[in-house]
Amino acid sequence: MVFGDDLPRDIRNRSKRRGPRMNARVPVTIQWDESAGALGLAPGHTRVVNNYGCLLVSPKEINAQQRLRLINLSTRQAAQGIVVWKGTQRPDGWDLGVELVGANLDFWGVEL
């Protein structure tokens, strides 16, 4: 299987992006609100980043439309995000498309 074969057709075939993307493994801490007001917390990392979001790998299953907070462990910056796409579970975790909400353009600590 080629990476991306399991992505929905509309995502796989998009020719226009809001900005350049970069394959980058950035370690993050993922925080989200669970039921009953508990705080979900898990380590994760990215596969792909851009100024507007990322392809996130999470060891925990997080549903689409879930709001979350990402803490970049390299830069110690935090950003709010929303899960806009939920992919399949792979050996290293769940693939999640996350759109960042109002993050600094240098959030990932890489030059895009």
PDB file of N, CA and C in Angstrom:
ATOM      1  N   MET A   1       0.850  -1.188   0.000  1.00  0.00           N
ATOM      2  CA  MET A   1       0.000   0.000   0.000  1.00  0.00           C
ATOM      3  C   MET A   1       0.891   1.246   0.000  1.00  0.00           C
ATOM      4  N   VAL A   2       0.590   2.177  -0.838  1.00  0.00           N
ATOM      5  CA  VAL A   2       1.308   3.442  -0.923  1.00  0.00           C
ATOM      6  C   VAL A   2       0.687   4.412   0.062  1.00  0.00           C
ATOM      7  N   PHE A   3       1.537   5.196   0.761  1.00  0.00           N
ATOM      8  CA  PHE A   3       1.010   6.183   1.701  1.00  0.00           C
ATOM      9  C   PHE A   3       0.039   7.096   0.978  1.00  0.00           C
ATOM     10  N   GLY A   4      -1.119   7.278   1.534  1.00  0.00           N
ATOM     11  CA  GLY A   4      -2.115   8.147   0.935  1.00  0.00           C
ATOM     12  C   GLY A   4      -3.210   7.396   0.221  1.00  0.00           C
ATOM     13  N   ASP A   5      -2.988   6.092  -0.068  1.00  0.00           N
ATOM     14  CA  ASP A   5      -4.023   5.313  -0.751  1.00  0.00           C
ATOM     15  C   ASP A   5      -5.305   5.221   0.061  1.00  0.00           C
ATOM     16  N   ASP A   6      -5.185   5.286   1.398  1.00  0.00           N
ATOM     17  CA  ASP A   6      -6.372   5.160   2.237  1.00  0.00           C
ATOM     18  C   ASP A   6      -7.007   6.512   2.564  1.00  0.00           C
ATOM     19  N   LEU A   7      -6.461   7.595   2.014  1.00  0.00           N
ATOM     20  CA  LEU A   7      -7.056   8.908   2.227  1.00  0.00           C
ATOM     21  C   LEU A   7      -8.305   9.046   1.358  1.00  0.00           C
ATOM     22  N   PRO A   8      -9.292   9.802   1.818  1.00  0.00           N
ATOM     23  CA  PRO A   8     -10.475  10.025   0.983  1.00  0.00           C
ATOM     24  C   PRO A   8     -10.085  10.666  -0.347  1.00  0.00           C
ATOM     25  N   ARG A   9     -10.835  10.336  -1.398  1.00  0.00           N
ATOM     26  CA  ARG A   9     -10.519  10.805  -2.752  1.00  0.00           C
ATOM     27  C   ARG A   9     -10.425  12.329  -2.823  1.00  0.00           C
ATOM     28  N   ASP A  10     -11.335  13.051  -2.119  1.00  0.00           N
ATOM     29  CA  ASP A  10     -11.305  14.510  -2.198  1.00  0.00           C
ATOM     30  C   ASP A  10     -10.025  15.084  -1.608  1.00  0.00           C
ATOM     31  N   ILE A  11      -9.452  14.422  -0.606  1.00  0.00           N
ATOM     32  CA  ILE A  11      -8.186  14.890  -0.034  1.00  0.00           C
ATOM     33  C   ILE A  11      -7.031  14.472  -0.931  1.00  0.00           C
ATOM     34  N   ARG A  12      -7.068  13.240  -1.412  1.00  0.00           N
ATOM     35  CA  ARG A  12      -5.996  12.701  -2.242  1.00  0.00           C
ATOM     36  C   ARG A  12      -5.837  13.475  -3.540  1.00  0.00           C
ATOM     37  N   ASN A  13      -6.930  13.972  -4.108  1.00  0.00           N
ATOM     38  CA  ASN A  13      -6.889  14.610  -5.419  1.00  0.00           C
ATOM     39  C   ASN A  13      -6.843  16.125  -5.378  1.00  0.00           C
ATOM     40  N   ARG A  14      -6.750  16.706  -4.224  1.00  0.00           N
ATOM     41  CA  ARG A  14      -6.685  18.173  -4.166  1.00  0.00           C
ATOM     42  C   ARG A  14      -5.393  18.661  -4.792  1.00  0.00           C
ATOM     43  N   SER A  15      -5.521  19.614  -5.686  1.00  0.00           N
ATOM     44  CA  SER A  15      -4.333  20.146  -6.336  1.00  0.00           C
ATOM     45  C   SER A  15      -3.901  21.466  -5.706  1.00  0.00           C
ATOM     46  N   LYS A  16      -4.796  22.125  -4.988  1.00  0.00           N
ATOM     47  CA  LYS A  16      -4.462  23.412  -4.395  1.00  0.00           C
ATOM     48  C   LYS A  16      -4.412  23.286  -2.883  1.00  0.00           C
ATOM     49  N   ARG A  17      -3.371  23.780  -2.312  1.00  0.00           N
ATOM     50  CA  ARG A  17      -3.187  23.813  -0.867  1.00  0.00           C
ATOM     51  C   ARG A  17      -3.041  25.262  -0.448  1.00  0.00           C
ATOM     52  N   ARG A  18      -3.317  25.538   0.812  1.00  0.00           N
ATOM     53  CA  ARG A  18      -3.181  26.914   1.289  1.00  0.00           C
ATOM     54  C   ARG A  18      -1.734  27.315   1.472  1.00  0.00           C
ATOM     55  N   GLY A  19      -0.844  26.377   1.454  1.00  0.00           N
ATOM     56  CA  GLY A  19       0.559  26.696   1.613  1.00  0.00           C
ATOM     57  C   GLY A  19       1.410  25.468   1.385  1.00  0.00           C
ATOM     58  N   PRO A  20       2.727  25.648   1.388  1.00  0.00           N
ATOM     59  CA  PRO A  20       3.615  24.505   1.178  1.00  0.00           C
ATOM     60  C   PRO A  20       3.536  23.527   2.348  1.00  0.00           C
ATOM     61  N   ARG A  21       3.755  22.263   2.041  1.00  0.00           N
ATOM     62  CA  ARG A  21       3.777  21.219   3.054  1.00  0.00           C
ATOM     63  C   ARG A  21       5.179  20.643   3.144  1.00  0.00           C
ATOM     64  N   MET A  22       5.480  20.071   4.302  1.00  0.00           N
ATOM     65  CA  MET A  22       6.786  19.458   4.495  1.00  0.00           C
ATOM     66  C   MET A  22       6.622  18.180   5.305  1.00  0.00           C
ATOM     67  N   ASN A  23       7.260  17.119   4.847  1.00  0.00           N
ATOM     68  CA  ASN A  23       7.320  15.914   5.662  1.00  0.00           C
ATOM     69  C   ASN A  23       8.200  16.236   6.863  1.00  0.00           C
ATOM     70  N   ALA A  24       7.643  16.098   8.046  1.00  0.00           N
ATOM     71  CA  ALA A  24       8.400  16.425   9.249  1.00  0.00           C
ATOM     72  C   ALA A  24       7.817  15.663  10.431  1.00  0.00           C
ATOM     73  N   ARG A  25       8.679  15.039  11.175  1.00  0.00           N
ATOM     74  CA  ARG A  25       8.263  14.346  12.398  1.00  0.00           C
ATOM     75  C   ARG A  25       8.549  15.285  13.563  1.00  0.00           C
ATOM     76  N   VAL A  26       7.498  15.944  14.022  1.00  0.00           N
ATOM     77  CA  VAL A  26       7.604  16.886  15.124  1.00  0.00           C
ATOM     78  C   VAL A  26       6.905  16.257  16.340  1.00  0.00           C
ATOM     79  N   PRO A  27       7.617  16.076  17.451  1.00  0.00           N
ATOM     80  CA  PRO A  27       6.981  15.497  18.642  1.00  0.00           C
ATOM     81  C   PRO A  27       6.037  16.509  19.289  1.00  0.00           C
ATOM     82  N   VAL A  28       4.843  16.043  19.666  1.00  0.00           N
ATOM     83  CA  VAL A  28       3.848  16.914  20.279  1.00  0.00           C
ATOM     84  C   VAL A  28       3.187  16.204  21.454  1.00  0.00           C
ATOM     85  N   THR A  29       2.593  16.995  22.314  1.00  0.00           N
ATOM     86  CA  THR A  29       1.653  16.495  23.306  1.00  0.00           C
ATOM     87  C   THR A  29       0.281  16.911  22.838  1.00  0.00           C
ATOM     88  N   ILE A  30      -0.660  15.969  22.864  1.00  0.00           N
ATOM     89  CA  ILE A  30      -2.027  16.216  22.423  1.00  0.00           C
ATOM     90  C   ILE A  30      -2.921  16.292  23.646  1.00  0.00           C
ATOM     91  N   GLN A  31      -3.716  17.357  23.744  1.00  0.00           N
ATOM     92  CA  GLN A  31      -4.676  17.507  24.832  1.00  0.00           C
ATOM     93  C   GLN A  31      -6.060  17.709  24.237  1.00  0.00           C
ATOM     94  N   TRP A  32      -7.070  17.076  24.839  1.00  0.00           N
ATOM     95  CA  TRP A  32      -8.453  17.262  24.389  1.00  0.00           C
ATOM     96  C   TRP A  32      -9.379  17.002  25.567  1.00  0.00           C
ATOM     97  N   ASP A  33     -10.581  17.545  25.467  1.00  0.00           N
ATOM     98  CA  ASP A  33     -11.593  17.327  26.495  1.00  0.00           C
ATOM     99  C   ASP A  33     -12.310  16.022  26.216  1.00  0.00           C
ATOM    100  N   GLU A  34     -12.355  15.163  27.228  1.00  0.00           N
ATOM    101  CA  GLU A  34     -13.098  13.915  27.125  1.00  0.00           C
ATOM    102  C   GLU A  34     -14.455  14.090  27.789  1.00  0.00           C
ATOM    103  N   SER A  35     -15.265  13.078  27.741  1.00  0.00           N
ATOM    104  CA  SER A  35     -16.568  13.146  28.397  1.00  0.00           C
ATOM    105  C   SER A  35     -16.393  13.337  29.904  1.00  0.00           C
ATOM    106  N   ALA A  36     -17.386  13.901  30.518  1.00  0.00           N
ATOM    107  CA  ALA A  36     -17.400  14.157  31.970  1.00  0.00           C
ATOM    108  C   ALA A  36     -16.330  15.161  32.391  1.00  0.00           C
ATOM    109  N   GLY A  37     -15.856  15.981  31.450  1.00  0.00           N
ATOM    110  CA  GLY A  37     -14.930  17.045  31.788  1.00  0.00           C
ATOM    111  C   GLY A  37     -13.490  16.625  32.027  1.00  0.00           C
ATOM    112  N   ALA A  38     -13.165  15.350  31.795  1.00  0.00           N
ATOM    113  CA  ALA A  38     -11.788  14.894  31.974  1.00  0.00           C
ATOM    114  C   ALA A  38     -10.920  15.400  30.818  1.00  0.00           C
ATOM    115  N   LEU A  39      -9.638  15.571  31.098  1.00  0.00           N
ATOM    116  CA  LEU A  39      -8.695  16.029  30.088  1.00  0.00           C
ATOM    117  C   LEU A  39      -7.957  14.826  29.521  1.00  0.00           C
ATOM    118  N   GLY A  40      -8.084  14.616  28.203  1.00  0.00           N
ATOM    119  CA  GLY A  40      -7.312  13.574  27.532  1.00  0.00           C
ATOM    120  C   GLY A  40      -5.920  14.102  27.245  1.00  0.00           C
ATOM    121  N   LEU A  41      -4.939  13.256  27.384  1.00  0.00           N
ATOM    122  CA  LEU A  41      -3.546  13.662  27.207  1.00  0.00           C
ATOM    123  C   LEU A  41      -2.793  12.486  26.593  1.00  0.00           C
ATOM    124  N   ALA A  42      -2.053  12.740  25.513  1.00  0.00           N
ATOM    125  CA  ALA A  42      -1.294  11.678  24.860  1.00  0.00           C
ATOM    126  C   ALA A  42      -0.101  12.259  24.123  1.00  0.00           C
ATOM    127  N   PRO A  43       0.984  11.479  24.041  1.00  0.00           N
ATOM    128  CA  PRO A  43       2.107  11.896  23.198  1.00  0.00           C
ATOM    129  C   PRO A  43       1.764  11.593  21.746  1.00  0.00           C
ATOM    130  N   GLY A  44       2.296  12.368  20.829  1.00  0.00           N
ATOM    131  CA  GLY A  44       2.066  12.130  19.410  1.00  0.00           C
ATOM    132  C   GLY A  44       3.188  12.724  18.590  1.00  0.00           C
ATOM    133  N   HIS A  45       3.031  12.647  17.285  1.00  0.00           N
ATOM    134  CA  HIS A  45       3.999  13.279  16.389  1.00  0.00           C
ATOM    135  C   HIS A  45       3.308  13.549  15.055  1.00  0.00           C
ATOM    136  N   THR A  46       3.942  14.359  14.254  1.00  0.00           N
ATOM    137  CA  THR A  46       3.396  14.681  12.943  1.00  0.00           C
ATOM    138  C   THR A  46       4.084  13.851  11.869  1.00  0.00           C
ATOM    139  N   ARG A  47       3.391  13.702  10.730  1.00  0.00           N
ATOM    140  CA  ARG A  47       4.004  13.130   9.531  1.00  0.00           C
ATOM    141  C   ARG A  47       4.285  14.242   8.521  1.00  0.00           C
ATOM    142  N   VAL A  48       3.333  15.176   8.429  1.00  0.00           N
ATOM    143  CA  VAL A  48       3.399  16.282   7.475  1.00  0.00           C
ATOM    144  C   VAL A  48       2.917  17.536   8.193  1.00  0.00           C
ATOM    145  N   VAL A  49       3.577  18.670   7.940  1.00  0.00           N
ATOM    146  CA  VAL A  49       3.153  19.935   8.542  1.00  0.00           C
ATOM    147  C   VAL A  49       3.045  21.013   7.466  1.00  0.00           C
ATOM    148  N   ASN A  50       2.204  22.010   7.737  1.00  0.00           N
ATOM    149  CA  ASN A  50       2.211  23.261   6.990  1.00  0.00           C
ATOM    150  C   ASN A  50       1.772  24.345   7.955  1.00  0.00           C
ATOM    151  N   ASN A  51       1.718  25.579   7.482  1.00  0.00           N
ATOM    152  CA  ASN A  51       1.390  26.689   8.376  1.00  0.00           C
ATOM    153  C   ASN A  51      -0.027  26.616   8.937  1.00  0.00           C
ATOM    154  N   TYR A  52      -0.866  25.793   8.331  1.00  0.00           N
ATOM    155  CA  TYR A  52      -2.280  25.766   8.691  1.00  0.00           C
ATOM    156  C   TYR A  52      -2.719  24.480   9.384  1.00  0.00           C
ATOM    157  N   GLY A  53      -1.818  23.513   9.521  1.00  0.00           N
ATOM    158  CA  GLY A  53      -2.198  22.274  10.167  1.00  0.00           C
ATOM    159  C   GLY A  53      -1.158  21.194   9.998  1.00  0.00           C
ATOM    160  N   CYS A  54      -1.626  19.946  10.139  1.00  0.00           N
ATOM    161  CA  CYS A  54      -0.691  18.829  10.067  1.00  0.00           C
ATOM    162  C   CYS A  54      -1.434  17.513   9.862  1.00  0.00           C
ATOM    163  N   LEU A  55      -0.676  16.516   9.486  1.00  0.00           N
ATOM    164  CA  LEU A  55      -1.119  15.138   9.558  1.00  0.00           C
ATOM    165  C   LEU A  55      -0.512  14.624  10.853  1.00  0.00           C
ATOM    166  N   LEU A  56      -1.363  14.390  11.822  1.00  0.00           N
ATOM    167  CA  LEU A  56      -0.963  14.036  13.181  1.00  0.00           C
ATOM    168  C   LEU A  56      -1.107  12.542  13.396  1.00  0.00           C
ATOM    169  N   VAL A  57      -0.185  11.952  14.141  1.00  0.00           N
ATOM    170  CA  VAL A  57      -0.276  10.555  14.550  1.00  0.00           C
ATOM    171  C   VAL A  57      -0.545  10.537  16.054  1.00  0.00           C
ATOM    172  N   SER A  58      -1.677   9.939  16.420  1.00  0.00           N
ATOM    173  CA  SER A  58      -2.095   9.884  17.815  1.00  0.00           C
ATOM    174  C   SER A  58      -2.228   8.436  18.265  1.00  0.00           C
ATOM    175  N   PRO A  59      -1.689   8.081  19.437  1.00  0.00           N
ATOM    176  CA  PRO A  59      -1.877   6.718  19.929  1.00  0.00           C
ATOM    177  C   PRO A  59      -3.319   6.474  20.386  1.00  0.00           C
ATOM    178  N   LYS A  60      -4.062   7.531  20.615  1.00  0.00           N
ATOM    179  CA  LYS A  60      -5.462   7.440  21.045  1.00  0.00           C
ATOM    180  C   LYS A  60      -6.373   7.789  19.878  1.00  0.00           C
ATOM    181  N   GLU A  61      -7.519   7.138  19.815  1.00  0.00           N
ATOM    182  CA  GLU A  61      -8.509   7.452  18.796  1.00  0.00           C
ATOM    183  C   GLU A  61      -9.223   8.741  19.188  1.00  0.00           C
ATOM    184  N   ILE A  62      -9.178   9.729  18.301  1.00  0.00           N
ATOM    185  CA  ILE A  62      -9.840  11.016  18.515  1.00  0.00           C
ATOM    186  C   ILE A  62     -10.762  11.244  17.332  1.00  0.00           C
ATOM    187  N   ASN A  63     -11.991  11.587  17.601  1.00  0.00           N
ATOM    188  CA  ASN A  63     -12.991  11.721  16.538  1.00  0.00           C
ATOM    189  C   ASN A  63     -12.859  13.020  15.761  1.00  0.00           C
ATOM    190  N   ALA A  64     -13.357  12.990  14.536  1.00  0.00           N
ATOM    191  CA  ALA A  64     -13.412  14.192  13.704  1.00  0.00           C
ATOM    192  C   ALA A  64     -14.257  15.245  14.404  1.00  0.00           C
ATOM    193  N   GLN A  65     -13.926  16.490  14.192  1.00  0.00           N
ATOM    194  CA  GLN A  65     -14.563  17.672  14.771  1.00  0.00           C
ATOM    195  C   GLN A  65     -14.175  17.909  16.231  1.00  0.00           C
ATOM    196  N   GLN A  66     -13.322  17.054  16.792  1.00  0.00           N
ATOM    197  CA  GLN A  66     -12.863  17.244  18.168  1.00  0.00           C
ATOM    198  C   GLN A  66     -11.885  18.407  18.209  1.00  0.00           C
ATOM    199  N   ARG A  67     -12.096  19.303  19.134  1.00  0.00           N
ATOM    200  CA  ARG A  67     -11.133  20.385  19.348  1.00  0.00           C
ATOM    201  C   ARG A  67     -10.024  19.845  20.240  1.00  0.00           C
ATOM    202  N   LEU A  68      -8.812  20.289  19.968  1.00  0.00           N
ATOM    203  CA  LEU A  68      -7.691  19.844  20.772  1.00  0.00           C
ATOM    204  C   LEU A  68      -6.635  20.930  20.873  1.00  0.00           C
ATOM    205  N   ARG A  69      -5.669  20.671  21.686  1.00  0.00           N
ATOM    206  CA  ARG A  69      -4.533  21.582  21.877  1.00  0.00           C
ATOM    207  C   ARG A  69      -3.273  20.780  21.609  1.00  0.00           C
ATOM    208  N   LEU A  70      -2.398  21.309  20.769  1.00  0.00           N
ATOM    209  CA  LEU A  70      -1.119  20.678  20.483  1.00  0.00           C
ATOM    210  C   LEU A  70      -0.013  21.482  21.136  1.00  0.00           C
ATOM    211  N   ILE A  71       0.879  20.799  21.790  1.00  0.00           N
ATOM    212  CA  ILE A  71       2.066  21.443  22.352  1.00  0.00           C
ATOM    213  C   ILE A  71       3.266  20.878  21.603  1.00  0.00           C
ATOM    214  N   ASN A  72       3.961  21.745  20.883  1.00  0.00           N
ATOM    215  CA  ASN A  72       5.153  21.365  20.136  1.00  0.00           C
ATOM    216  C   ASN A  72       6.278  21.190  21.151  1.00  0.00           C
ATOM    217  N   LEU A  73       6.788  19.976  21.305  1.00  0.00           N
ATOM    218  CA  LEU A  73       7.811  19.707  22.311  1.00  0.00           C
ATOM    219  C   LEU A  73       9.180  20.258  21.927  1.00  0.00           C
ATOM    220  N   SER A  74       9.360  20.615  20.652  1.00  0.00           N
ATOM    221  CA  SER A  74      10.626  21.215  20.222  1.00  0.00           C
ATOM    222  C   SER A  74      10.672  22.704  20.515  1.00  0.00           C
ATOM    223  N   THR A  75       9.563  23.402  20.246  1.00  0.00           N
ATOM    224  CA  THR A  75       9.548  24.853  20.430  1.00  0.00           C
ATOM    225  C   THR A  75       8.853  25.288  21.714  1.00  0.00           C
ATOM    226  N   ARG A  76       8.157  24.365  22.376  1.00  0.00           N
ATOM    227  CA  ARG A  76       7.379  24.623  23.604  1.00  0.00           C
ATOM    228  C   ARG A  76       6.199  25.562  23.364  1.00  0.00           C
ATOM    229  N   GLN A  77       5.801  25.748  22.101  1.00  0.00           N
ATOM    230  CA  GLN A  77       4.630  26.551  21.773  1.00  0.00           C
ATOM    231  C   GLN A  77       3.383  25.672  21.797  1.00  0.00           C
ATOM    232  N   ALA A  78       2.250  26.290  22.077  1.00  0.00           N
ATOM    233  CA  ALA A  78       0.967  25.588  22.061  1.00  0.00           C
ATOM    234  C   ALA A  78       0.052  26.231  21.034  1.00  0.00           C
ATOM    235  N   ALA A  79      -0.826  25.418  20.449  1.00  0.00           N
ATOM    236  CA  ALA A  79      -1.786  25.917  19.465  1.00  0.00           C
ATOM    237  C   ALA A  79      -3.077  25.123  19.582  1.00  0.00           C
ATOM    238  N   GLN A  80      -4.166  25.801  19.322  1.00  0.00           N
ATOM    239  CA  GLN A  80      -5.473  25.156  19.279  1.00  0.00           C
ATOM    240  C   GLN A  80      -5.678  24.577  17.893  1.00  0.00           C
ATOM    241  N   GLY A  81      -6.424  23.489  17.813  1.00  0.00           N
ATOM    242  CA  GLY A  81      -6.703  22.875  16.529  1.00  0.00           C
ATOM    243  C   GLY A  81      -8.022  22.133  16.558  1.00  0.00           C
ATOM    244  N   ILE A  82      -8.414  21.663  15.401  1.00  0.00           N
ATOM    245  CA  ILE A  82      -9.626  20.857  15.269  1.00  0.00           C
ATOM    246  C   ILE A  82      -9.328  19.712  14.310  1.00  0.00           C
ATOM    247  N   VAL A  83      -9.803  18.527  14.664  1.00  0.00           N
ATOM    248  CA  VAL A  83      -9.613  17.360  13.811  1.00  0.00           C
ATOM    249  C   VAL A  83     -10.594  17.474  12.650  1.00  0.00           C
ATOM    250  N   VAL A  84     -10.068  17.620  11.440  1.00  0.00           N
ATOM    251  CA  VAL A  84     -10.918  17.787  10.264  1.00  0.00           C
ATOM    252  C   VAL A  84     -11.009  16.505   9.440  1.00  0.00           C
ATOM    253  N   TRP A  85     -10.178  15.535   9.761  1.00  0.00           N
ATOM    254  CA  TRP A  85     -10.184  14.260   9.055  1.00  0.00           C
ATOM    255  C   TRP A  85      -9.630  13.186   9.968  1.00  0.00           C
ATOM    256  N   LYS A  86     -10.308  12.043   9.988  1.00  0.00           N
ATOM    257  CA  LYS A  86      -9.846  10.906  10.777  1.00  0.00           C
ATOM    258  C   LYS A  86      -9.552   9.767   9.827  1.00  0.00           C
ATOM    259  N   GLY A  87      -8.314   9.338   9.808  1.00  0.00           N
ATOM    260  CA  GLY A  87      -7.896   8.252   8.931  1.00  0.00           C
ATOM    261  C   GLY A  87      -7.940   6.918   9.639  1.00  0.00           C
ATOM    262  N   THR A  88      -7.094   6.034   9.183  1.00  0.00           N
ATOM    263  CA  THR A  88      -7.060   4.679   9.722  1.00  0.00           C
ATOM    264  C   THR A  88      -6.035   4.555  10.839  1.00  0.00           C
ATOM    265  N   GLN A  89      -6.173   3.487  11.571  1.00  0.00           N
ATOM    266  CA  GLN A  89      -5.185   3.183  12.601  1.00  0.00           C
ATOM    267  C   GLN A  89      -4.049   2.411  11.953  1.00  0.00           C
ATOM    268  N   ARG A  90      -2.850   2.875  12.175  1.00  0.00           N
ATOM    269  CA  ARG A  90      -1.639   2.220  11.677  1.00  0.00           C
ATOM    270  C   ARG A  90      -0.884   1.676  12.885  1.00  0.00           C
ATOM    271  N   PRO A  91       0.196   0.950  12.668  1.00  0.00           N
ATOM    272  CA  PRO A  91       0.938   0.407  13.815  1.00  0.00           C
ATOM    273  C   PRO A  91       1.414   1.469  14.815  1.00  0.00           C
ATOM    274  N   ASP A  92       1.720   2.684  14.331  1.00  0.00           N
ATOM    275  CA  ASP A  92       2.211   3.722  15.250  1.00  0.00           C
ATOM    276  C   ASP A  92       1.111   4.657  15.743  1.00  0.00           C
ATOM    277  N   GLY A  93      -0.142   4.460  15.325  1.00  0.00           N
ATOM    278  CA  GLY A  93      -1.233   5.287  15.839  1.00  0.00           C
ATOM    279  C   GLY A  93      -2.238   5.664  14.764  1.00  0.00           C
ATOM    280  N   TRP A  94      -3.193   6.485  15.162  1.00  0.00           N
ATOM    281  CA  TRP A  94      -4.247   6.965  14.276  1.00  0.00           C
ATOM    282  C   TRP A  94      -3.761   8.161  13.472  1.00  0.00           C
ATOM    283  N   ASP A  95      -4.028   8.175  12.175  1.00  0.00           N
ATOM    284  CA  ASP A  95      -3.745   9.337  11.334  1.00  0.00           C
ATOM    285  C   ASP A  95      -4.909  10.312  11.459  1.00  0.00           C
ATOM    286  N   LEU A  96      -4.589  11.565  11.781  1.00  0.00           N
ATOM    287  CA  LEU A  96      -5.599  12.605  11.946  1.00  0.00           C
ATOM    288  C   LEU A  96      -5.170  13.852  11.194  1.00  0.00           C
ATOM    289  N   GLY A  97      -6.078  14.421  10.424  1.00  0.00           N
ATOM    290  CA  GLY A  97      -5.841  15.711   9.795  1.00  0.00           C
ATOM    291  C   GLY A  97      -6.282  16.791  10.759  1.00  0.00           C
ATOM    292  N   VAL A  98      -5.371  17.681  11.128  1.00  0.00           N
ATOM    293  CA  VAL A  98      -5.674  18.724  12.105  1.00  0.00           C
ATOM    294  C   VAL A  98      -5.462  20.089  11.471  1.00  0.00           C
ATOM    295  N   GLU A  99      -6.463  20.942  11.598  1.00  0.00           N
ATOM    296  CA  GLU A  99      -6.352  22.328  11.170  1.00  0.00           C
ATOM    297  C   GLU A  99      -6.041  23.168  12.397  1.00  0.00           C
ATOM    298  N   LEU A 100      -4.971  23.954  12.325  1.00  0.00           N
ATOM    299  CA  LEU A 100      -4.616  24.833  13.430  1.00  0.00           C
ATOM    300  C   LEU A 100      -5.490  26.074  13.409  1.00  0.00           C
ATOM    301  N   VAL A 101      -5.810  26.575  14.582  1.00  0.00           N
ATOM    302  CA  VAL A 101      -6.657  27.756  14.720  1.00  0.00           C
ATOM    303  C   VAL A 101      -5.811  28.869  15.320  1.00  0.00           C
ATOM    304  N   GLY A 102      -5.448  29.845  14.494  1.00  0.00           N
ATOM    305  CA  GLY A 102      -4.728  31.022  14.982  1.00  0.00           C
ATOM    306  C   GLY A 102      -3.332  30.762  15.506  1.00  0.00           C
ATOM    307  N   ALA A 103      -2.636  29.762  14.984  1.00  0.00           N
ATOM    308  CA  ALA A 103      -1.272  29.472  15.441  1.00  0.00           C
ATOM    309  C   ALA A 103      -0.275  30.426  14.791  1.00  0.00           C
ATOM    310  N   ASN A 104       0.843  30.635  15.456  1.00  0.00           N
ATOM    311  CA  ASN A 104       1.941  31.398  14.864  1.00  0.00           C
ATOM    312  C   ASN A 104       2.444  30.656  13.639  1.00  0.00           C
ATOM    313  N   LEU A 105       2.872  31.388  12.622  1.00  0.00           N
ATOM    314  CA  LEU A 105       3.377  30.752  11.403  1.00  0.00           C
ATOM    315  C   LEU A 105       4.633  29.938  11.652  1.00  0.00           C
ATOM    316  N   ASP A 106       5.348  30.217  12.748  1.00  0.00           N
ATOM    317  CA  ASP A 106       6.551  29.460  13.057  1.00  0.00           C
ATOM    318  C   ASP A 106       6.284  28.370  14.103  1.00  0.00           C
ATOM    319  N   PHE A 107       5.037  27.987  14.272  1.00  0.00           N
ATOM    320  CA  PHE A 107       4.666  27.017  15.306  1.00  0.00           C
ATOM    321  C   PHE A 107       5.468  25.718  15.221  1.00  0.00           C
ATOM    322  N   TRP A 108       5.700  25.219  14.006  1.00  0.00           N
ATOM    323  CA  TRP A 108       6.360  23.941  13.867  1.00  0.00           C
ATOM    324  C   TRP A 108       7.872  24.024  14.055  1.00  0.00           C
ATOM    325  N   GLY A 109       8.444  25.195  13.977  1.00  0.00           N
ATOM    326  CA  GLY A 109       9.872  25.330  14.163  1.00  0.00           C
ATOM    327  C   GLY A 109      10.683  24.876  12.953  1.00  0.00           C
ATOM    328  N   VAL A 110      10.024  24.799  11.792  1.00  0.00           N
ATOM    329  CA  VAL A 110      10.706  24.447  10.548  1.00  0.00           C
ATOM    330  C   VAL A 110      10.392  25.523   9.523  1.00  0.00           C
ATOM    331  N   GLU A 111      11.303  25.705   8.581  1.00  0.00           N
ATOM    332  CA  GLU A 111      11.071  26.703   7.538  1.00  0.00           C
ATOM    333  C   GLU A 111      10.302  26.063   6.397  1.00  0.00           C
ATOM    334  N   LEU A 112       9.111  26.560   6.154  1.00  0.00           N
ATOM    335  CA  LEU A 112       8.255  25.997   5.107  1.00  0.00           C
ATOM    336  C   LEU A 112       8.350  26.812   3.823  1.00  0.00           C
TER     337      LEU A 112
END
